[in-house]
Amino acid sequence: MLTLSWMLANQTALAMGWFNKEPKMLQTELSAAELQKLSIQSGWSDDDPKLMMFEVGNQLSGPIFCTGASFEFKDGKKRNQAFEPKLYIPSKNARRVSVRDINKPSLKSFGFSCLCMKYSPTGPCEDPFKK
């Protein structure tokens, strides 16, 4: 009876992943080199001069998700804009997103904050849904 109880407890622990030998994936911010592999095109809407639109292309080996954008204006002010929901971009694909109240004449620069899943901080982006 004791052996049967131990076997059932062991199977439950295995099913719950307590003794899983597979390495865990880490949510990691993209490096400067990885950010260079994204194609980010931007522009303003013809209908709304304060609506800045972006198309982000992902040429990395795995999917990425962008959490937001940061903007610096010519008057020295800065603005961070979170994307809700986050912008998910599969490998070898592109997605579009827009941000309101960005006036073209006052914008100095912008940047994106994007992450991906990796087995190590220096490894390539991996698809967490592929086995």
N, C-alpha and C. Protein backbone atom coordinates (compact mmCIF):
# COMPACT_ATOMS: atom_id res chain seq x y z
N MET A 1 0.82 -1.18 0.00
CA MET A 1 0.00 0.00 0.00
C MET A 1 0.87 1.25 0.00
N LEU A 2 1.94 1.23 0.77
CA LEU A 2 2.85 2.36 0.83
C LEU A 2 3.49 2.62 -0.53
N THR A 3 3.86 1.56 -1.23
CA THR A 3 4.46 1.70 -2.55
C THR A 3 3.47 2.29 -3.53
N LEU A 4 2.23 1.85 -3.50
CA LEU A 4 1.20 2.38 -4.38
C LEU A 4 0.97 3.87 -4.12
N SER A 5 0.94 4.28 -2.86
CA SER A 5 0.77 5.70 -2.51
C SER A 5 1.93 6.52 -3.03
N TRP A 6 3.17 6.00 -2.89
CA TRP A 6 4.34 6.71 -3.36
C TRP A 6 4.30 6.86 -4.88
N MET A 7 3.89 5.79 -5.59
CA MET A 7 3.82 5.85 -7.05
C MET A 7 2.79 6.88 -7.50
N LEU A 8 1.64 6.92 -6.86
CA LEU A 8 0.61 7.90 -7.23
C LEU A 8 1.09 9.32 -6.95
N ALA A 9 1.75 9.53 -5.83
CA ALA A 9 2.28 10.85 -5.49
C ALA A 9 3.36 11.26 -6.48
N ASN A 10 4.20 10.32 -6.88
CA ASN A 10 5.26 10.61 -7.84
C ASN A 10 4.68 10.97 -9.20
N GLN A 11 3.66 10.25 -9.64
CA GLN A 11 3.03 10.56 -10.93
C GLN A 11 2.37 11.93 -10.90
N THR A 12 1.76 12.28 -9.78
CA THR A 12 1.14 13.60 -9.64
C THR A 12 2.21 14.68 -9.72
N ALA A 13 3.33 14.46 -9.04
CA ALA A 13 4.42 15.44 -9.06
C ALA A 13 4.98 15.59 -10.47
N LEU A 14 5.12 14.50 -11.20
CA LEU A 14 5.60 14.58 -12.58
C LEU A 14 4.61 15.33 -13.46
N ALA A 15 3.34 15.04 -13.28
CA ALA A 15 2.31 15.71 -14.08
C ALA A 15 2.28 17.21 -13.79
N MET A 16 2.58 17.60 -12.58
CA MET A 16 2.57 19.02 -12.23
C MET A 16 3.86 19.72 -12.63
N GLY A 17 4.85 18.99 -13.16
CA GLY A 17 6.08 19.58 -13.63
C GLY A 17 7.13 19.82 -12.56
N TRP A 18 6.95 19.27 -11.38
CA TRP A 18 7.92 19.50 -10.32
C TRP A 18 9.29 18.92 -10.64
N PHE A 19 9.30 17.82 -11.38
CA PHE A 19 10.56 17.17 -11.72
C PHE A 19 10.85 17.26 -13.21
N ASN A 20 10.34 18.27 -13.85
CA ASN A 20 10.52 18.46 -15.28
C ASN A 20 11.98 18.80 -15.57
N LYS A 21 12.60 18.08 -16.49
CA LYS A 21 14.01 18.26 -16.81
C LYS A 21 14.22 19.30 -17.92
N GLU A 22 13.16 19.72 -18.61
CA GLU A 22 13.32 20.69 -19.69
C GLU A 22 13.72 22.05 -19.13
N PRO A 23 14.64 22.76 -19.82
CA PRO A 23 15.01 24.09 -19.34
C PRO A 23 13.84 25.06 -19.46
N LYS A 24 13.78 26.00 -18.55
CA LYS A 24 12.70 26.98 -18.57
C LYS A 24 13.05 28.14 -19.47
N MET A 25 12.03 28.68 -20.14
CA MET A 25 12.23 29.84 -20.99
C MET A 25 12.14 31.11 -20.15
N LEU A 26 12.91 32.11 -20.55
CA LEU A 26 12.94 33.38 -19.85
C LEU A 26 12.37 34.47 -20.75
N GLN A 27 11.61 35.36 -20.17
CA GLN A 27 11.12 36.53 -20.89
C GLN A 27 12.28 37.54 -20.88
N THR A 28 12.81 37.88 -22.05
CA THR A 28 14.03 38.67 -22.14
C THR A 28 13.84 39.86 -23.06
N GLU A 29 14.32 41.02 -22.64
CA GLU A 29 14.28 42.20 -23.48
C GLU A 29 15.22 42.00 -24.66
N LEU A 30 14.82 42.51 -25.83
CA LEU A 30 15.66 42.35 -27.01
C LEU A 30 16.94 43.15 -26.87
N SER A 31 18.03 42.57 -27.35
CA SER A 31 19.32 43.26 -27.34
C SER A 31 19.33 44.31 -28.46
N ALA A 32 20.32 45.16 -28.45
CA ALA A 32 20.45 46.18 -29.49
C ALA A 32 20.58 45.53 -30.87
N ALA A 33 21.32 44.42 -30.95
CA ALA A 33 21.48 43.72 -32.23
C ALA A 33 20.15 43.12 -32.70
N GLU A 34 19.36 42.60 -31.76
CA GLU A 34 18.06 42.03 -32.12
C GLU A 34 17.09 43.14 -32.54
N LEU A 35 17.13 44.27 -31.86
CA LEU A 35 16.27 45.39 -32.24
C LEU A 35 16.60 45.88 -33.66
N GLN A 36 17.86 45.77 -34.05
CA GLN A 36 18.27 46.17 -35.40
C GLN A 36 17.64 45.26 -36.47
N LYS A 37 17.26 44.05 -36.08
CA LYS A 37 16.65 43.11 -37.04
C LYS A 37 15.14 43.33 -37.20
N LEU A 38 14.58 44.25 -36.41
CA LEU A 38 13.18 44.62 -36.59
C LEU A 38 13.11 45.74 -37.62
N SER A 39 12.12 45.68 -38.47
CA SER A 39 11.89 46.81 -39.38
C SER A 39 10.72 47.60 -38.83
N ILE A 40 10.98 48.86 -38.50
CA ILE A 40 9.94 49.72 -37.95
C ILE A 40 9.74 50.88 -38.90
N GLN A 41 8.58 50.89 -39.53
CA GLN A 41 8.23 52.00 -40.42
C GLN A 41 7.17 52.83 -39.72
N SER A 42 7.29 54.14 -39.87
CA SER A 42 6.34 55.02 -39.18
C SER A 42 5.84 56.10 -40.12
N GLY A 43 4.70 56.65 -39.74
CA GLY A 43 4.10 57.74 -40.50
C GLY A 43 2.87 58.25 -39.79
N TRP A 44 2.27 59.27 -40.36
CA TRP A 44 1.08 59.87 -39.77
C TRP A 44 -0.11 59.67 -40.67
N SER A 45 -1.25 59.57 -40.08
CA SER A 45 -2.50 59.40 -40.80
C SER A 45 -2.83 60.67 -41.59
N ASP A 46 -3.34 60.50 -42.81
CA ASP A 46 -3.79 61.66 -43.60
C ASP A 46 -5.02 62.29 -42.97
N ASP A 47 -5.83 61.47 -42.30
CA ASP A 47 -7.07 61.96 -41.70
C ASP A 47 -6.86 62.64 -40.35
N ASP A 48 -5.81 62.24 -39.63
CA ASP A 48 -5.57 62.76 -38.28
C ASP A 48 -4.07 63.04 -38.13
N PRO A 49 -3.66 64.31 -38.18
CA PRO A 49 -2.22 64.64 -38.14
C PRO A 49 -1.54 64.32 -36.80
N LYS A 50 -2.30 63.94 -35.78
CA LYS A 50 -1.70 63.57 -34.49
C LYS A 50 -1.72 62.05 -34.26
N LEU A 51 -2.13 61.28 -35.25
CA LEU A 51 -2.16 59.82 -35.13
C LEU A 51 -0.92 59.24 -35.82
N MET A 52 0.04 58.80 -35.02
CA MET A 52 1.27 58.22 -35.55
C MET A 52 1.07 56.72 -35.69
N MET A 53 1.37 56.20 -36.87
CA MET A 53 1.17 54.78 -37.16
C MET A 53 2.52 54.10 -37.38
N PHE A 54 2.58 52.83 -36.97
CA PHE A 54 3.81 52.05 -37.10
C PHE A 54 3.48 50.70 -37.73
N GLU A 55 4.43 50.19 -38.49
CA GLU A 55 4.39 48.80 -38.94
C GLU A 55 5.71 48.19 -38.48
N VAL A 56 5.62 47.16 -37.65
CA VAL A 56 6.80 46.52 -37.08
C VAL A 56 6.93 45.14 -37.70
N GLY A 57 8.07 44.89 -38.34
CA GLY A 57 8.36 43.60 -38.95
C GLY A 57 9.38 42.84 -38.11
N ASN A 58 9.15 41.57 -37.90
CA ASN A 58 10.01 40.72 -37.07
C ASN A 58 10.75 39.73 -37.95
N GLN A 59 12.07 39.87 -38.06
CA GLN A 59 12.90 38.93 -38.81
C GLN A 59 13.69 38.00 -37.89
N LEU A 60 13.34 37.98 -36.62
CA LEU A 60 14.03 37.11 -35.67
C LEU A 60 13.52 35.67 -35.76
N SER A 61 14.21 34.76 -35.08
CA SER A 61 13.88 33.33 -35.17
C SER A 61 12.62 32.94 -34.41
N GLY A 62 12.16 33.77 -33.51
CA GLY A 62 10.97 33.48 -32.73
C GLY A 62 10.07 34.69 -32.63
N PRO A 63 8.87 34.50 -32.10
CA PRO A 63 7.94 35.62 -31.98
C PRO A 63 8.42 36.61 -30.92
N ILE A 64 7.97 37.84 -31.07
CA ILE A 64 8.27 38.88 -30.09
C ILE A 64 6.96 39.53 -29.65
N PHE A 65 7.01 40.26 -28.57
CA PHE A 65 5.89 41.10 -28.20
C PHE A 65 6.44 42.43 -27.72
N CYS A 66 5.84 43.50 -28.23
CA CYS A 66 6.26 44.85 -27.88
C CYS A 66 5.29 45.39 -26.83
N THR A 67 5.86 45.91 -25.77
CA THR A 67 5.06 46.37 -24.65
C THR A 67 4.71 47.84 -24.73
N GLY A 68 5.46 48.60 -25.54
CA GLY A 68 5.15 50.01 -25.66
C GLY A 68 6.21 50.76 -26.44
N ALA A 69 6.01 52.07 -26.52
CA ALA A 69 6.93 52.94 -27.23
C ALA A 69 7.25 54.14 -26.34
N SER A 70 8.43 54.70 -26.55
CA SER A 70 8.82 55.92 -25.84
C SER A 70 9.09 57.00 -26.88
N PHE A 71 8.71 58.19 -26.53
CA PHE A 71 8.84 59.33 -27.45
C PHE A 71 9.60 60.45 -26.76
N GLU A 72 10.49 61.10 -27.50
CA GLU A 72 11.19 62.28 -27.02
C GLU A 72 10.82 63.43 -27.95
N PHE A 73 10.47 64.55 -27.35
CA PHE A 73 10.03 65.70 -28.13
C PHE A 73 11.12 66.79 -28.15
N LYS A 74 11.03 67.67 -29.12
CA LYS A 74 12.03 68.72 -29.30
C LYS A 74 12.12 69.67 -28.11
N ASP A 75 11.05 69.80 -27.33
CA ASP A 75 11.07 70.68 -26.15
C ASP A 75 11.66 69.99 -24.92
N GLY A 76 12.18 68.75 -25.08
CA GLY A 76 12.80 68.01 -23.99
C GLY A 76 11.86 67.09 -23.22
N LYS A 77 10.58 67.17 -23.47
CA LYS A 77 9.62 66.30 -22.78
C LYS A 77 9.71 64.89 -23.33
N LYS A 78 9.32 63.95 -22.47
CA LYS A 78 9.33 62.53 -22.87
C LYS A 78 7.97 61.93 -22.54
N ARG A 79 7.61 60.90 -23.29
CA ARG A 79 6.34 60.21 -23.06
C ARG A 79 6.53 58.72 -23.32
N ASN A 80 6.03 57.91 -22.42
CA ASN A 80 6.00 56.46 -22.60
C ASN A 80 4.56 56.04 -22.84
N GLN A 81 4.35 55.23 -23.86
CA GLN A 81 3.01 54.78 -24.21
C GLN A 81 2.98 53.25 -24.20
N ALA A 82 2.21 52.68 -23.30
CA ALA A 82 2.07 51.22 -23.25
C ALA A 82 1.08 50.77 -24.31
N PHE A 83 1.32 49.60 -24.88
CA PHE A 83 0.40 49.00 -25.84
C PHE A 83 -0.52 48.05 -25.08
N GLU A 84 -1.81 48.28 -25.16
CA GLU A 84 -2.80 47.40 -24.54
C GLU A 84 -3.79 46.97 -25.60
N PRO A 85 -3.84 45.76 -26.02
CA PRO A 85 -2.97 44.66 -25.58
C PRO A 85 -1.57 44.81 -26.17
N LYS A 86 -0.66 44.04 -25.66
CA LYS A 86 0.71 44.07 -26.16
C LYS A 86 0.71 43.65 -27.63
N LEU A 87 1.67 44.17 -28.36
CA LEU A 87 1.77 43.91 -29.80
C LEU A 87 2.55 42.61 -30.02
N TYR A 88 1.85 41.54 -30.39
CA TYR A 88 2.46 40.22 -30.63
C TYR A 88 2.81 40.12 -32.11
N ILE A 89 4.07 39.78 -32.41
CA ILE A 89 4.52 39.69 -33.80
C ILE A 89 5.21 38.35 -34.00
N PRO A 90 4.58 37.42 -34.72
CA PRO A 90 5.24 36.14 -35.00
C PRO A 90 6.51 36.34 -35.84
N SER A 91 7.37 35.35 -35.83
CA SER A 91 8.59 35.39 -36.64
C SER A 91 8.22 35.52 -38.12
N LYS A 92 8.98 36.33 -38.82
CA LYS A 92 8.82 36.56 -40.27
C LYS A 92 7.45 37.15 -40.61
N ASN A 93 6.90 37.97 -39.70
CA ASN A 93 5.62 38.64 -39.91
C ASN A 93 5.74 40.10 -39.50
N ALA A 94 4.69 40.85 -39.79
CA ALA A 94 4.62 42.25 -39.39
C ALA A 94 3.24 42.54 -38.81
N ARG A 95 3.18 43.52 -37.93
CA ARG A 95 1.94 43.96 -37.32
C ARG A 95 1.94 45.49 -37.27
N ARG A 96 0.73 46.05 -37.19
CA ARG A 96 0.57 47.50 -37.14
C ARG A 96 0.01 47.94 -35.79
N VAL A 97 0.42 49.14 -35.39
CA VAL A 97 -0.06 49.75 -34.15
C VAL A 97 -0.02 51.26 -34.36
N SER A 98 -0.87 51.98 -33.63
CA SER A 98 -0.86 53.44 -33.73
C SER A 98 -0.92 54.06 -32.34
N VAL A 99 -0.44 55.30 -32.26
CA VAL A 99 -0.43 56.05 -31.00
C VAL A 99 -1.00 57.43 -31.27
N ARG A 100 -1.94 57.85 -30.45
CA ARG A 100 -2.58 59.16 -30.61
C ARG A 100 -1.79 60.27 -29.92
N ASP A 101 -2.05 61.47 -30.35
CA ASP A 101 -1.50 62.69 -29.77
C ASP A 101 0.02 62.79 -29.90
N ILE A 102 0.55 62.38 -31.03
CA ILE A 102 1.96 62.58 -31.35
C ILE A 102 2.00 63.55 -32.53
N ASN A 103 2.41 64.78 -32.24
CA ASN A 103 2.43 65.83 -33.25
C ASN A 103 3.75 65.77 -34.02
N LYS A 104 3.68 65.58 -35.32
CA LYS A 104 4.86 65.38 -36.15
C LYS A 104 5.91 66.48 -36.01
N PRO A 105 5.55 67.77 -36.06
CA PRO A 105 6.59 68.80 -35.97
C PRO A 105 7.33 68.82 -34.62
N SER A 106 6.72 68.31 -33.57
CA SER A 106 7.37 68.38 -32.25
C SER A 106 8.15 67.13 -31.87
N LEU A 107 8.06 66.05 -32.66
CA LEU A 107 8.72 64.79 -32.32
C LEU A 107 10.20 64.82 -32.71
N LYS A 108 11.04 64.44 -31.75
CA LYS A 108 12.48 64.35 -31.99
C LYS A 108 12.88 62.92 -32.32
N SER A 109 12.45 61.95 -31.47
CA SER A 109 12.80 60.55 -31.70
C SER A 109 11.81 59.64 -30.98
N PHE A 110 11.86 58.34 -31.34
CA PHE A 110 11.01 57.35 -30.67
C PHE A 110 11.76 56.03 -30.61
N GLY A 111 11.32 55.16 -29.73
CA GLY A 111 11.89 53.83 -29.61
C GLY A 111 10.83 52.86 -29.12
N PHE A 112 11.07 51.58 -29.35
CA PHE A 112 10.14 50.53 -28.94
C PHE A 112 10.77 49.67 -27.86
N SER A 113 9.94 49.15 -26.98
CA SER A 113 10.37 48.19 -25.98
C SER A 113 9.74 46.84 -26.33
N CYS A 114 10.58 45.87 -26.70
CA CYS A 114 10.09 44.56 -27.14
C CYS A 114 10.83 43.46 -26.41
N LEU A 115 10.14 42.33 -26.25
CA LEU A 115 10.69 41.17 -25.55
C LEU A 115 10.45 39.91 -26.36
N CYS A 116 11.16 38.85 -25.97
CA CYS A 116 10.89 37.53 -26.54
C CYS A 116 11.23 36.48 -25.50
N MET A 117 10.94 35.25 -25.80
CA MET A 117 11.21 34.13 -24.90
C MET A 117 12.51 33.46 -25.35
N LYS A 118 13.40 33.21 -24.35
CA LYS A 118 14.69 32.58 -24.63
C LYS A 118 15.00 31.54 -23.57
N TYR A 119 15.82 30.56 -23.94
CA TYR A 119 16.29 29.59 -22.96
C TYR A 119 17.47 30.16 -22.16
N SER A 120 18.20 31.11 -22.74
CA SER A 120 19.26 31.80 -22.02
C SER A 120 19.25 33.26 -22.45
N PRO A 121 19.69 34.17 -21.59
CA PRO A 121 19.64 35.60 -21.93
C PRO A 121 20.38 35.97 -23.21
N THR A 122 21.39 35.19 -23.58
CA THR A 122 22.16 35.50 -24.78
C THR A 122 21.77 34.64 -25.98
N GLY A 123 20.82 33.73 -25.80
CA GLY A 123 20.40 32.84 -26.87
C GLY A 123 19.43 33.51 -27.82
N PRO A 124 19.01 32.77 -28.85
CA PRO A 124 18.05 33.33 -29.81
C PRO A 124 16.63 33.31 -29.26
N CYS A 125 15.77 34.13 -29.85
CA CYS A 125 14.35 34.11 -29.51
C CYS A 125 13.78 32.77 -29.93
N GLU A 126 12.95 32.20 -29.07
CA GLU A 126 12.37 30.88 -29.32
C GLU A 126 10.84 30.99 -29.31
N ASP A 127 10.20 30.07 -30.02
CA ASP A 127 8.75 30.00 -30.01
C ASP A 127 8.32 29.09 -28.86
N PRO A 128 7.68 29.63 -27.83
CA PRO A 128 7.32 28.79 -26.68
C PRO A 128 6.25 27.75 -27.00
N PHE A 129 5.61 27.85 -28.15
CA PHE A 129 4.54 26.90 -28.49
C PHE A 129 5.03 25.76 -29.38
N LYS A 130 6.30 25.83 -29.82
CA LYS A 130 6.87 24.74 -30.62
C LYS A 130 7.64 23.81 -29.70
N LYS A 131 7.57 22.54 -30.01
CA LYS A 131 8.31 21.54 -29.24
C LYS A 131 9.40 20.95 -30.08
